[in-house]
Amino acid sequence: MNLRRPLVSVPVWRALVVLTSAMVVIVLAGIGYTAYVDGRRADAERSARAELQQQEREADRRWCRLLGLVTRAYETAPPATTLGEQLAAAYAELIAELGCPRG
């Protein structure tokens, strides 16, 4: 009985090819997964940004309705004091800044 004889004889070059191929597959899988996770994160950020912009637009529309009521009141009864005129000017500036529709 020969104890030095290996049970399975695999040439060294085949073992190296298999190990190298396995490492390449693992590296490519890691790169692919990282790209996938980055894409999902970017999608989530875009979605969150769009939702925030929608909330801001809705808040601006609420302010526009309130400012519209105030300016209509000033149209029917113009301000008689300088403070009232300053408020009317500030309201007009805020309406322009928010981009409220006229009328």
C-alpha atoms as a PDB file:
ATOM      1  CA  MET A   1       0.000   0.000   0.000  1.00  0.00           C
ATOM      2  CA  ASN A   2       1.369   3.321  -1.142  1.00  0.00           C
ATOM      3  CA  LEU A   3       0.495   6.122   1.315  1.00  0.00           C
ATOM      4  CA  ARG A   4       2.048   8.888  -0.761  1.00  0.00           C
ATOM      5  CA  ARG A   5      -0.305   8.523  -3.679  1.00  0.00           C
ATOM      6  CA  PRO A   6      -3.061  11.231  -3.598  1.00  0.00           C
ATOM      7  CA  LEU A   7      -6.680  10.117  -3.734  1.00  0.00           C
ATOM      8  CA  VAL A   8      -7.549  12.549  -6.515  1.00  0.00           C
ATOM      9  CA  SER A   9      -5.015  13.826  -8.935  1.00  0.00           C
ATOM     10  CA  VAL A  10      -5.832  17.357 -10.217  1.00  0.00           C
ATOM     11  CA  PRO A  11      -3.274  19.241 -12.249  1.00  0.00           C
ATOM     12  CA  VAL A  12      -2.174  22.480 -10.633  1.00  0.00           C
ATOM     13  CA  TRP A  13      -3.176  24.579 -13.625  1.00  0.00           C
ATOM     14  CA  ARG A  14      -6.785  23.328 -13.387  1.00  0.00           C
ATOM     15  CA  ALA A  15      -6.952  24.139  -9.707  1.00  0.00           C
ATOM     16  CA  LEU A  16      -5.655  27.647 -10.413  1.00  0.00           C
ATOM     17  CA  VAL A  17      -8.187  28.130 -13.217  1.00  0.00           C
ATOM     18  CA  VAL A  18     -11.044  27.050 -10.961  1.00  0.00           C
ATOM     19  CA  LEU A  19      -9.916  29.279  -8.085  1.00  0.00           C
ATOM     20  CA  THR A  20      -9.352  32.275 -10.362  1.00  0.00           C
ATOM     21  CA  SER A  21     -12.721  31.771 -12.044  1.00  0.00           C
ATOM     22  CA  ALA A  22     -14.453  31.562  -8.669  1.00  0.00           C
ATOM     23  CA  MET A  23     -12.777  34.789  -7.518  1.00  0.00           C
ATOM     24  CA  VAL A  24     -13.778  36.569 -10.734  1.00  0.00           C
ATOM     25  CA  VAL A  25     -17.395  35.425 -10.319  1.00  0.00           C
ATOM     26  CA  ILE A  26     -17.449  36.617  -6.694  1.00  0.00           C
ATOM     27  CA  VAL A  27     -15.975  40.010  -7.618  1.00  0.00           C
ATOM     28  CA  LEU A  28     -18.440  40.474 -10.494  1.00  0.00           C
ATOM     29  CA  ALA A  29     -21.350  39.513  -8.229  1.00  0.00           C
ATOM     30  CA  GLY A  30     -20.190  42.084  -5.669  1.00  0.00           C
ATOM     31  CA  ILE A  31     -19.925  44.792  -8.318  1.00  0.00           C
ATOM     32  CA  GLY A  32     -23.363  43.924  -9.692  1.00  0.00           C
ATOM     33  CA  TYR A  33     -24.964  43.945  -6.255  1.00  0.00           C
ATOM     34  CA  THR A  34     -23.350  47.273  -5.388  1.00  0.00           C
ATOM     35  CA  ALA A  35     -24.683  48.801  -8.612  1.00  0.00           C
ATOM     36  CA  TYR A  36     -28.139  47.405  -7.852  1.00  0.00           C
ATOM     37  CA  VAL A  37     -28.160  48.833  -4.313  1.00  0.00           C
ATOM     38  CA  ASP A  38     -26.902  52.211  -5.546  1.00  0.00           C
ATOM     39  CA  GLY A  39     -29.684  52.307  -8.131  1.00  0.00           C
ATOM     40  CA  ARG A  40     -32.314  51.496  -5.515  1.00  0.00           C
ATOM     41  CA  ARG A  41     -30.929  54.191  -3.208  1.00  0.00           C
ATOM     42  CA  ALA A  42     -30.974  56.764  -6.003  1.00  0.00           C
ATOM     43  CA  ASP A  43     -34.579  55.837  -6.819  1.00  0.00           C
ATOM     44  CA  ALA A  44     -35.548  56.222  -3.160  1.00  0.00           C
ATOM     45  CA  GLU A  45     -33.839  59.622  -2.983  1.00  0.00           C
ATOM     46  CA  ARG A  46     -35.615  60.801  -6.150  1.00  0.00           C
ATOM     47  CA  SER A  47     -38.940  59.613  -4.785  1.00  0.00           C
ATOM     48  CA  ALA A  48     -38.381  61.350  -1.445  1.00  0.00           C
ATOM     49  CA  ARG A  49     -37.333  64.558  -3.205  1.00  0.00           C
ATOM     50  CA  ALA A  50     -40.428  64.478  -5.436  1.00  0.00           C
ATOM     51  CA  GLU A  51     -42.681  63.902  -2.427  1.00  0.00           C
ATOM     52  CA  LEU A  52     -41.073  66.821  -0.579  1.00  0.00           C
ATOM     53  CA  GLN A  53     -41.542  69.096  -3.593  1.00  0.00           C
ATOM     54  CA  GLN A  54     -45.201  68.030  -3.809  1.00  0.00           C
ATOM     55  CA  GLN A  55     -45.695  68.873  -0.134  1.00  0.00           C
ATOM     56  CA  GLU A  56     -44.037  72.261  -0.640  1.00  0.00           C
ATOM     57  CA  ARG A  57     -46.271  73.021  -3.644  1.00  0.00           C
ATOM     58  CA  GLU A  58     -49.354  72.094  -1.624  1.00  0.00           C
ATOM     59  CA  ALA A  59     -48.235  74.322   1.263  1.00  0.00           C
ATOM     60  CA  ASP A  60     -47.605  77.168  -1.208  1.00  0.00           C
ATOM     61  CA  ARG A  61     -51.107  76.708  -2.673  1.00  0.00           C
ATOM     62  CA  ARG A  62     -52.588  76.993   0.821  1.00  0.00           C
ATOM     63  CA  TRP A  63     -50.689  80.214   1.407  1.00  0.00           C
ATOM     64  CA  CYS A  64     -51.795  81.461  -2.006  1.00  0.00           C
ATOM     65  CA  ARG A  65     -55.443  80.930  -1.084  1.00  0.00           C
ATOM     66  CA  LEU A  66     -54.975  82.808   2.193  1.00  0.00           C
ATOM     67  CA  LEU A  67     -53.063  85.646   0.556  1.00  0.00           C
ATOM     68  CA  GLY A  68     -55.680  85.803  -2.187  1.00  0.00           C
ATOM     69  CA  LEU A  69     -58.367  86.411   0.426  1.00  0.00           C
ATOM     70  CA  VAL A  70     -56.320  89.172   2.041  1.00  0.00           C
ATOM     71  CA  THR A  71     -55.554  90.915  -1.244  1.00  0.00           C
ATOM     72  CA  ARG A  72     -59.193  90.731  -2.324  1.00  0.00           C
ATOM     73  CA  ALA A  73     -60.103  92.382   0.972  1.00  0.00           C
ATOM     74  CA  TYR A  74     -57.549  95.115   0.243  1.00  0.00           C
ATOM     75  CA  GLU A  75     -59.045  95.596  -3.229  1.00  0.00           C
ATOM     76  CA  THR A  76     -62.514  96.193  -1.832  1.00  0.00           C
ATOM     77  CA  ALA A  77     -61.278  98.398   1.025  1.00  0.00           C
ATOM     78  CA  PRO A  78     -57.812  99.819   0.276  1.00  0.00           C
ATOM     79  CA  PRO A  79     -55.541 100.364   3.266  1.00  0.00           C
ATOM     80  CA  ALA A  80     -55.868 103.780   4.845  1.00  0.00           C
ATOM     81  CA  THR A  81     -52.656 103.779   6.880  1.00  0.00           C
ATOM     82  CA  THR A  82     -49.004 103.466   5.979  1.00  0.00           C
ATOM     83  CA  LEU A  83     -48.813 100.214   7.915  1.00  0.00           C
ATOM     84  CA  GLY A  84     -51.697  98.833   5.856  1.00  0.00           C
ATOM     85  CA  GLU A  85     -49.945  99.916   2.658  1.00  0.00           C
ATOM     86  CA  GLN A  86     -46.714  98.268   3.817  1.00  0.00           C
ATOM     87  CA  LEU A  87     -48.632  95.061   4.576  1.00  0.00           C
ATOM     88  CA  ALA A  88     -50.301  95.171   1.165  1.00  0.00           C
ATOM     89  CA  ALA A  89     -46.883  95.598  -0.490  1.00  0.00           C
ATOM     90  CA  ALA A  90     -45.446  92.733   1.575  1.00  0.00           C
ATOM     91  CA  TYR A  91     -48.395  90.520   0.632  1.00  0.00           C
ATOM     92  CA  ALA A  92     -47.943  91.373  -3.050  1.00  0.00           C
ATOM     93  CA  GLU A  93     -44.224  90.542  -2.808  1.00  0.00           C
ATOM     94  CA  LEU A  94     -44.984  87.232  -1.090  1.00  0.00           C
ATOM     95  CA  ILE A  95     -47.594  86.371  -3.725  1.00  0.00           C
ATOM     96  CA  ALA A  96     -45.028  87.014  -6.461  1.00  0.00           C
ATOM     97  CA  GLU A  97     -42.370  84.988  -4.597  1.00  0.00           C
ATOM     98  CA  LEU A  98     -44.689  81.997  -4.175  1.00  0.00           C
ATOM     99  CA  GLY A  99     -45.793  82.181  -7.792  1.00  0.00           C
ATOM    100  CA  CYS A 100     -49.481  82.421  -6.934  1.00  0.00           C
ATOM    101  CA  PRO A 101     -51.860  82.739  -9.871  1.00  0.00           C
ATOM    102  CA  ARG A 102     -53.394  86.165 -10.396  1.00  0.00           C
ATOM    103  CA  GLY A 103     -57.105  86.657 -10.128  1.00  0.00           C
END
